[in-house]
Each structure stands twice: as structure tokens, then as C-alpha cells.
């Protein structure tokens, strides 16, 4: 049997700019959200020449405050994976992990 109960799906936020700062309206909406998370794009990864490069690494405005848990999000371009060697995959994964660890205390 089907319920006629209308439920609102939970929603969350992805922050996709290079400077983490919210205006008053954005901040109220974030804090009002029932989800305990905010997903924040920390940086992009691209392959420039033969090197993997972080691009558009995020910075945080000193006024940014939230009670939400920050979940790092990384955008990796398709070209990063073209002709990638097996040993480069491990290097890339470690490099991304290291940069997340380095940026995380700054963002939280």
C-alpha cells in the first residue's frame, strides 16, 4: 500500500567557488538545513604537460563559520586520466590526499 504522506527530500549544499564565504542569506539557509554536512570543492586536479597540478585551490574568508561538517570534494579533469600509468595512479591519489590534509585545517 502506498502512503499519501508527502515528504520533503533532505537537501544539502555544495560550495563550488574558490573563496569560502557566505552572505547572510546563504548562511541562514545552510544553518537551517537538516543535513550535518556542507560539501566544499577544495581544488581541481588537471594534467598540465606531463604533471598533475592542483588548480583553483580554495581559500576561506575569516568570517566563514558553520556548525556543519565539511566534506572535501575534488574535481578531477578527464584529461588527468588520459594515458595515465599504473604507478601514476598511486602518486596522484597520495598527492590529492596530502593536499586535502594540508587544506582541511584551514577550511574547517
C-alpha atoms as a PDB file:
ATOM      1  CA  UNK A   1       0.000   0.000   0.000  1.00  0.00           C
ATOM      2  CA  UNK A   2       1.163   3.471  -0.754  1.00  0.00           C
ATOM      3  CA  UNK A   3       1.212   6.294   1.704  1.00  0.00           C
ATOM      4  CA  UNK A   4      -0.242   9.639   0.782  1.00  0.00           C
ATOM      5  CA  UNK A   5       2.211  11.299   3.092  1.00  0.00           C
ATOM      6  CA  UNK A   6       4.222  13.934   1.299  1.00  0.00           C
ATOM      7  CA  UNK A   7       7.815  14.026   2.471  1.00  0.00           C
ATOM      8  CA  UNK A   8      10.320  16.663   1.557  1.00  0.00           C
ATOM      9  CA  UNK A   9      13.589  15.112   0.497  1.00  0.00           C
ATOM     10  CA  UNK A  10      16.606  16.155   2.554  1.00  0.00           C
ATOM     11  CA  UNK A  11      18.880  18.646   0.871  1.00  0.00           C
ATOM     12  CA  UNK A  12      22.453  19.700   1.357  1.00  0.00           C
ATOM     13  CA  UNK A  13      24.878  22.220  -0.038  1.00  0.00           C
ATOM     14  CA  UNK A  14      27.833  22.056  -2.396  1.00  0.00           C
ATOM     15  CA  UNK A  15      30.131  25.058  -2.285  1.00  0.00           C
ATOM     16  CA  UNK A  16      31.889  25.405  -5.644  1.00  0.00           C
ATOM     17  CA  UNK A  17      33.738  28.732  -5.507  1.00  0.00           C
ATOM     18  CA  UNK A  18      37.413  29.377  -4.828  1.00  0.00           C
ATOM     19  CA  UNK A  19      36.819  31.593  -1.780  1.00  0.00           C
ATOM     20  CA  UNK A  20      34.736  30.121   1.015  1.00  0.00           C
ATOM     21  CA  UNK A  21      32.476  32.952   2.179  1.00  0.00           C
ATOM     22  CA  UNK A  22      28.725  33.121   2.693  1.00  0.00           C
ATOM     23  CA  UNK A  23      26.434  36.119   2.714  1.00  0.00           C
ATOM     24  CA  UNK A  24      23.753  36.376   5.423  1.00  0.00           C
ATOM     25  CA  UNK A  25      21.027  34.678   3.342  1.00  0.00           C
ATOM     26  CA  UNK A  26      23.305  31.774   2.348  1.00  0.00           C
ATOM     27  CA  UNK A  27      24.471  31.348   5.928  1.00  0.00           C
ATOM     28  CA  UNK A  28      20.888  31.222   7.285  1.00  0.00           C
ATOM     29  CA  UNK A  29      19.887  28.659   4.658  1.00  0.00           C
ATOM     30  CA  UNK A  30      22.911  26.490   5.448  1.00  0.00           C
ATOM     31  CA  UNK A  31      22.338  26.562   9.190  1.00  0.00           C
ATOM     32  CA  UNK A  32      18.613  25.875   8.728  1.00  0.00           C
ATOM     33  CA  UNK A  33      19.326  22.752   6.655  1.00  0.00           C
ATOM     34  CA  UNK A  34      18.817  19.476   8.494  1.00  0.00           C
ATOM     35  CA  UNK A  35      21.893  17.862   6.991  1.00  0.00           C
ATOM     36  CA  UNK A  36      25.024  17.925   9.149  1.00  0.00           C
ATOM     37  CA  UNK A  37      27.280  18.423   6.097  1.00  0.00           C
ATOM     38  CA  UNK A  38      28.485  21.034   3.638  1.00  0.00           C
ATOM     39  CA  UNK A  39      30.351  19.694   0.621  1.00  0.00           C
ATOM     40  CA  UNK A  40      33.184  22.048  -0.319  1.00  0.00           C
ATOM     41  CA  UNK A  41      35.218  21.911  -3.534  1.00  0.00           C
ATOM     42  CA  UNK A  42      38.777  22.103  -2.207  1.00  0.00           C
ATOM     43  CA  UNK A  43      40.514  22.167  -5.593  1.00  0.00           C
ATOM     44  CA  UNK A  44      40.559  20.789  -9.113  1.00  0.00           C
ATOM     45  CA  UNK A  45      43.195  18.427 -10.474  1.00  0.00           C
ATOM     46  CA  UNK A  46      44.411  18.787 -14.041  1.00  0.00           C
ATOM     47  CA  UNK A  47      47.265  17.369 -16.058  1.00  0.00           C
ATOM     48  CA  UNK A  48      49.402  20.156 -17.459  1.00  0.00           C
ATOM     49  CA  UNK A  49      52.064  18.793 -19.762  1.00  0.00           C
ATOM     50  CA  UNK A  50      53.145  15.617 -18.005  1.00  0.00           C
ATOM     51  CA  UNK A  51      52.472  16.895 -14.475  1.00  0.00           C
ATOM     52  CA  UNK A  52      49.438  16.658 -12.237  1.00  0.00           C
ATOM     53  CA  UNK A  53      48.553  20.103 -10.913  1.00  0.00           C
ATOM     54  CA  UNK A  54      46.107  21.352  -8.293  1.00  0.00           C
ATOM     55  CA  UNK A  55      44.069  24.175  -9.797  1.00  0.00           C
ATOM     56  CA  UNK A  56      41.922  26.833  -8.097  1.00  0.00           C
ATOM     57  CA  UNK A  57      42.747  25.784  -4.539  1.00  0.00           C
ATOM     58  CA  UNK A  58      40.136  27.144  -2.138  1.00  0.00           C
ATOM     59  CA  UNK A  59      40.757  29.833   0.455  1.00  0.00           C
ATOM     60  CA  UNK A  60      38.493  30.681   3.378  1.00  0.00           C
ATOM     61  CA  UNK A  61      37.237  34.103   4.356  1.00  0.00           C
ATOM     62  CA  UNK A  62      37.887  34.788   8.056  1.00  0.00           C
ATOM     63  CA  UNK A  63      34.156  35.454   8.568  1.00  0.00           C
ATOM     64  CA  UNK A  64      33.094  31.968   7.438  1.00  0.00           C
ATOM     65  CA  UNK A  65      31.685  29.953  10.342  1.00  0.00           C
ATOM     66  CA  UNK A  66      29.393  26.939  10.347  1.00  0.00           C
ATOM     67  CA  UNK A  67      28.352  24.129  12.639  1.00  0.00           C
ATOM     68  CA  UNK A  68      28.239  21.782   9.631  1.00  0.00           C
ATOM     69  CA  UNK A  69      30.887  19.163   8.977  1.00  0.00           C
ATOM     70  CA  UNK A  70      32.981  19.988   5.907  1.00  0.00           C
ATOM     71  CA  UNK A  71      33.272  17.220   3.325  1.00  0.00           C
ATOM     72  CA  UNK A  72      36.109  17.828   0.835  1.00  0.00           C
ATOM     73  CA  UNK A  73      35.209  17.499  -2.855  1.00  0.00           C
ATOM     74  CA  UNK A  74      37.843  17.310  -5.579  1.00  0.00           C
ATOM     75  CA  UNK A  75      37.147  17.798  -9.289  1.00  0.00           C
ATOM     76  CA  UNK A  76      39.493  15.774 -11.499  1.00  0.00           C
ATOM     77  CA  UNK A  77      39.532  16.613 -15.199  1.00  0.00           C
ATOM     78  CA  UNK A  78      39.122  13.844 -17.749  1.00  0.00           C
ATOM     79  CA  UNK A  79      42.491  14.704 -19.284  1.00  0.00           C
ATOM     80  CA  UNK A  80      44.142  13.816 -15.962  1.00  0.00           C
ATOM     81  CA  UNK A  81      43.315  10.168 -16.621  1.00  0.00           C
ATOM     82  CA  UNK A  82      44.291  10.047 -20.301  1.00  0.00           C
ATOM     83  CA  UNK A  83      47.285   7.761 -20.782  1.00  0.00           C
ATOM     84  CA  UNK A  84      47.856   7.514 -17.020  1.00  0.00           C
ATOM     85  CA  UNK A  85      50.363   4.850 -15.958  1.00  0.00           C
ATOM     86  CA  UNK A  86      49.592   2.482 -13.069  1.00  0.00           C
ATOM     87  CA  UNK A  87      52.345   3.961 -10.901  1.00  0.00           C
ATOM     88  CA  UNK A  88      50.983   7.464 -11.536  1.00  0.00           C
ATOM     89  CA  UNK A  89      47.594   6.465 -10.100  1.00  0.00           C
ATOM     90  CA  UNK A  90      49.146   5.776  -6.692  1.00  0.00           C
ATOM     91  CA  UNK A  91      51.166   9.002  -6.884  1.00  0.00           C
ATOM     92  CA  UNK A  92      48.070  11.005  -7.858  1.00  0.00           C
ATOM     93  CA  UNK A  93      45.946   9.512  -5.072  1.00  0.00           C
ATOM     94  CA  UNK A  94      48.631  10.236  -2.451  1.00  0.00           C
ATOM     95  CA  UNK A  95      49.170  13.772  -3.743  1.00  0.00           C
ATOM     96  CA  UNK A  96      45.444  14.517  -3.597  1.00  0.00           C
ATOM     97  CA  UNK A  97      45.163  13.033  -0.103  1.00  0.00           C
ATOM     98  CA  UNK A  98      48.161  15.055   1.116  1.00  0.00           C
ATOM     99  CA  UNK A  99      46.747  18.317  -0.245  1.00  0.00           C
ATOM    100  CA  UNK A 100      43.337  17.627   1.328  1.00  0.00           C
ATOM    101  CA  UNK A 101      45.034  17.006   4.675  1.00  0.00           C
ATOM    102  CA  UNK A 102      47.017  20.217   4.304  1.00  0.00           C
ATOM    103  CA  UNK A 103      43.970  22.349   3.379  1.00  0.00           C
ATOM    104  CA  UNK A 104      41.430  20.756   5.729  1.00  0.00           C
ATOM    105  CA  UNK A 105      42.500  22.536   8.974  1.00  0.00           C
ATOM    106  CA  UNK A 106      42.435  25.856   7.129  1.00  0.00           C
ATOM    107  CA  UNK A 107      38.903  25.282   5.844  1.00  0.00           C
ATOM    108  CA  UNK A 108      37.332  23.810   8.989  1.00  0.00           C
END
